[in-house]
Structure formats: structure tokens, C-alpha cells
Amino acid sequence: MTEPKQALKTFENALAEAKTSDQAYDALCALTKATVGAKLFTVMTADMDAMLARRVYTDDPENYPTSGTKPVEMNSWFEQVHGRHESFVANTLADIDTVFPDAELIGKLGCGSVVNLPIILGGKMIATMNILHEEGYYNEERVAQIHDLLRLPAMAVMALAR
């Protein structure tokens, strides 16, 4: 992985040059992979008025396309991420399966851990940055890095993408 200072400089340059939201998301994805690591990276927005979630970015369009929406489900994950603005972390496929109906596909892609980082702007959770890796990957140190290194860049990307 890249040294965080260099990765952040690369991100800053890419974001400064971004002319589309996809280019901004690409920069965030590259920063995430360079600093913390991810096998799968997506961003989901939440329209709470319509109660719909939409994938606006993916680095795997074949398995996780950006088309379509899905209803927001009011469950423990929702309360944690949307309600309390706390990250959701699961480090086993069994734990992922308790909240995500696509756990089987996640496992087939070689992933067994996830961090859903809520992105807050204007006091509202507007999106989640979702990063997945092999089982057991997102330990306490990596989760702390995600919060320390990626929260502000994720906010900047979402502000630009709006």
C-alpha cells in the first residue's frame, strides 16, 4: 500500500482535475485501495423522502451496477448507519449475511468483511462509502485509518458530486 501522505496528494490532484462525479469517485476509490485496501468499492446514496437507496458508483459494474434503486429497510443496520451516523463493520460472511441479502455474491467475489462509512453533509447522512475485502480484513487499526484518512475525502467527493 501507498504511504498515506503520498496517496492523499495523488487524491488531491485527481479531485482538482475531476470534471465528472465518476472521476471524483474514481479518485476516492483509488485513495481507499492505496491506503486501506479494498476488493470491492461502492457508494450508495439515500433519498429518505422517497425511502430509496441508489448505487451511484461501483468499481465492479458487472456484479454491482449503478442502475436502479432499492427500498431503504428500517433495521438495526439502518439505525446504526443512518440514525446514529456510525460505521457498520462486519468481518465474517456470516455477519454480513445478517444484514445484506447479497451475502452469497459478496462471498463469491472473495469478500468476507465490510465497512459502511456514512457520509454526512449538512447534518444528514447522504450516502455510504462501502468497502469490502477478505474475511477478517477490517481490524480496529484499519477501521481507524478509514475514519482518519477517508472521511473528509469522502465528504469532499460527495459535495462535488451533488
Protein backbone atom coordinates (compact mmCIF):
# COMPACT_ATOMS: atom_id res chain seq x y z
CA MET A 1 0.00 0.00 0.00
CA THR A 2 1.00 3.58 -0.58
CA GLU A 3 2.20 5.87 2.19
CA PRO A 4 -0.87 7.91 3.26
CA LYS A 5 0.68 11.34 2.64
CA GLN A 6 1.54 10.47 -0.98
CA ALA A 7 -1.85 8.80 -1.56
CA LEU A 8 -3.65 11.89 -0.24
CA LYS A 9 -1.59 14.13 -2.54
CA THR A 10 -2.48 11.92 -5.52
CA PHE A 11 -6.15 12.08 -4.47
CA GLU A 12 -6.00 15.87 -4.09
CA ASN A 13 -4.55 16.24 -7.61
CA ALA A 14 -7.13 13.85 -9.11
CA LEU A 15 -10.01 15.61 -7.37
CA ALA A 16 -8.74 19.03 -8.51
CA GLU A 17 -8.78 17.75 -12.10
CA ALA A 18 -12.11 15.89 -11.87
CA LYS A 19 -14.70 17.16 -14.31
CA THR A 20 -17.35 14.49 -13.60
CA SER A 21 -18.69 12.81 -10.49
CA ASP A 22 -17.31 9.47 -11.77
CA GLN A 23 -13.82 10.96 -11.90
CA ALA A 24 -14.24 12.18 -8.31
CA TYR A 25 -15.47 8.74 -7.22
CA ASP A 26 -12.57 7.11 -9.09
CA ALA A 27 -10.16 9.27 -7.08
CA LEU A 28 -11.82 8.24 -3.80
CA CYS A 29 -11.76 4.57 -4.81
CA ALA A 30 -8.05 4.80 -5.69
CA LEU A 31 -7.29 6.53 -2.37
CA THR A 32 -9.16 3.84 -0.45
CA LYS A 33 -7.38 0.99 -2.22
CA ALA A 34 -3.97 2.67 -1.85
CA THR A 35 -4.28 3.39 1.88
CA VAL A 36 -6.60 0.87 3.49
CA GLY A 37 -7.28 -1.71 0.80
CA ALA A 38 -10.49 -2.92 -0.81
CA LYS A 39 -11.53 -5.68 -3.19
CA LEU A 40 -14.89 -4.02 -3.85
CA PHE A 41 -15.76 -0.33 -3.54
CA THR A 42 -19.20 1.24 -3.96
CA VAL A 43 -21.05 4.39 -2.95
CA MET A 44 -24.79 4.36 -2.20
CA THR A 45 -26.92 7.48 -1.80
CA ALA A 46 -30.03 7.62 0.32
CA ASP A 47 -33.17 9.54 -0.59
CA MET A 48 -35.01 9.45 2.72
CA ASP A 49 -38.02 11.37 1.38
CA ALA A 50 -38.60 8.62 -1.20
CA MET A 51 -37.13 5.89 1.09
CA LEU A 52 -34.85 4.72 -1.73
CA ALA A 53 -31.16 3.83 -1.89
CA ARG A 54 -29.22 4.05 -5.14
CA ARG A 55 -25.73 2.85 -6.04
CA VAL A 56 -24.06 5.86 -7.66
CA TYR A 57 -20.57 4.36 -8.02
CA THR A 58 -19.04 0.93 -8.29
CA ASP A 59 -15.67 -0.47 -9.25
CA ASP A 60 -17.42 -3.73 -10.30
CA PRO A 61 -20.24 -2.74 -12.68
CA GLU A 62 -20.75 -6.33 -13.81
CA ASN A 63 -21.75 -7.61 -10.35
CA TYR A 64 -22.84 -4.31 -8.78
CA PRO A 65 -24.24 -1.99 -11.48
CA THR A 66 -25.22 1.59 -10.77
CA SER A 67 -28.64 1.22 -12.36
CA GLY A 68 -31.83 1.07 -10.35
CA THR A 69 -32.82 1.68 -6.76
CA LYS A 70 -33.79 -0.41 -3.76
CA PRO A 71 -36.07 0.41 -0.84
CA VAL A 72 -34.48 1.60 2.39
CA GLU A 73 -35.02 -1.07 5.05
CA MET A 74 -35.59 0.03 8.62
CA ASN A 75 -33.42 -2.41 10.57
CA SER A 76 -30.50 -2.41 13.02
CA TRP A 77 -28.05 -1.52 10.22
CA PHE A 78 -30.23 1.45 9.26
CA GLU A 79 -30.42 2.69 12.85
CA GLN A 80 -26.64 2.42 13.30
CA VAL A 81 -25.55 3.97 9.99
CA HIS A 82 -28.40 6.35 9.14
CA GLY A 83 -29.70 7.06 12.63
CA ARG A 84 -26.53 7.34 14.71
CA HIS A 85 -24.12 8.06 11.80
CA GLU A 86 -21.81 5.25 12.93
CA SER A 87 -19.86 2.97 10.62
CA PHE A 88 -21.04 -0.60 10.24
CA VAL A 89 -18.24 -3.16 10.36
CA ALA A 90 -18.56 -6.90 9.78
CA ASN A 91 -15.58 -9.23 9.46
CA THR A 92 -17.26 -12.52 8.57
CA LEU A 93 -19.56 -13.53 5.77
CA ALA A 94 -21.98 -14.86 8.41
CA ASP A 95 -22.19 -11.38 9.97
CA ILE A 96 -22.64 -9.80 6.55
CA ASP A 97 -25.45 -12.26 5.83
CA THR A 98 -27.43 -10.99 8.84
CA VAL A 99 -27.94 -7.58 7.19
CA PHE A 100 -27.27 -7.90 3.45
CA PRO A 101 -29.33 -10.16 1.17
CA ASP A 102 -26.47 -10.37 -1.36
CA ALA A 103 -24.03 -12.08 1.04
CA GLU A 104 -23.69 -15.07 -1.28
CA LEU A 105 -22.47 -12.87 -4.14
CA ILE A 106 -20.17 -10.99 -1.78
CA GLY A 107 -18.58 -14.32 -0.79
CA LYS A 108 -18.23 -15.41 -4.43
CA LEU A 109 -16.25 -12.23 -5.07
CA GLY A 110 -13.75 -13.23 -2.37
CA CYS A 111 -15.06 -10.77 0.18
CA GLY A 112 -15.99 -11.56 3.77
CA SER A 113 -15.59 -8.23 5.55
CA VAL A 114 -17.19 -4.82 5.04
CA VAL A 115 -17.12 -1.27 6.32
CA ASN A 116 -20.03 1.03 5.52
CA LEU A 117 -18.87 4.57 6.24
CA PRO A 118 -21.73 7.07 6.49
CA ILE A 119 -21.04 10.32 4.64
CA ILE A 120 -22.62 13.26 6.43
CA LEU A 121 -23.23 16.67 4.87
CA GLY A 122 -25.42 19.40 6.30
CA GLY A 123 -26.15 17.22 9.34
CA LYS A 124 -27.72 14.49 7.16
CA MET A 125 -26.44 11.11 6.10
CA ILE A 126 -26.48 11.45 2.31
CA ALA A 127 -24.51 8.36 1.30
CA THR A 128 -22.42 5.42 2.44
CA MET A 129 -18.99 4.51 1.20
CA ASN A 130 -18.88 0.72 1.15
CA ILE A 131 -15.57 -1.10 1.13
CA LEU A 132 -15.20 -4.85 1.16
CA HIS A 133 -12.25 -7.21 1.46
CA GLU A 134 -11.40 -10.75 2.51
CA GLU A 135 -12.78 -12.12 5.76
CA GLY A 136 -11.22 -10.59 8.90
CA TYR A 137 -9.53 -7.77 6.97
CA TYR A 138 -11.06 -4.69 8.63
CA ASN A 139 -9.48 -4.87 12.06
CA GLU A 140 -9.57 -1.99 14.55
CA GLU A 141 -6.45 -0.35 13.09
CA ARG A 142 -7.81 -0.37 9.53
CA VAL A 143 -11.21 0.91 10.67
CA ALA A 144 -9.45 3.76 12.49
CA GLN A 145 -7.49 4.51 9.29
CA ILE A 146 -10.74 4.60 7.33
CA HIS A 147 -12.16 7.19 9.72
CA ASP A 148 -8.93 9.22 9.94
CA LEU A 149 -7.91 9.15 6.27
CA LEU A 150 -11.10 8.74 4.26
CA ARG A 151 -13.96 10.56 5.99
CA LEU A 152 -13.03 14.08 4.80
CA PRO A 153 -12.12 12.98 1.23
CA ALA A 154 -15.47 11.14 1.04
CA MET A 155 -17.29 14.29 2.13
CA ALA A 156 -15.40 16.35 -0.48
CA VAL A 157 -16.30 13.89 -3.25
CA MET A 158 -19.98 13.85 -2.26
CA ALA A 159 -20.08 17.65 -2.11
CA LEU A 160 -18.58 17.81 -5.60
CA ALA A 161 -20.87 15.05 -6.94
CA ARG A 162 -24.01 16.85 -5.75
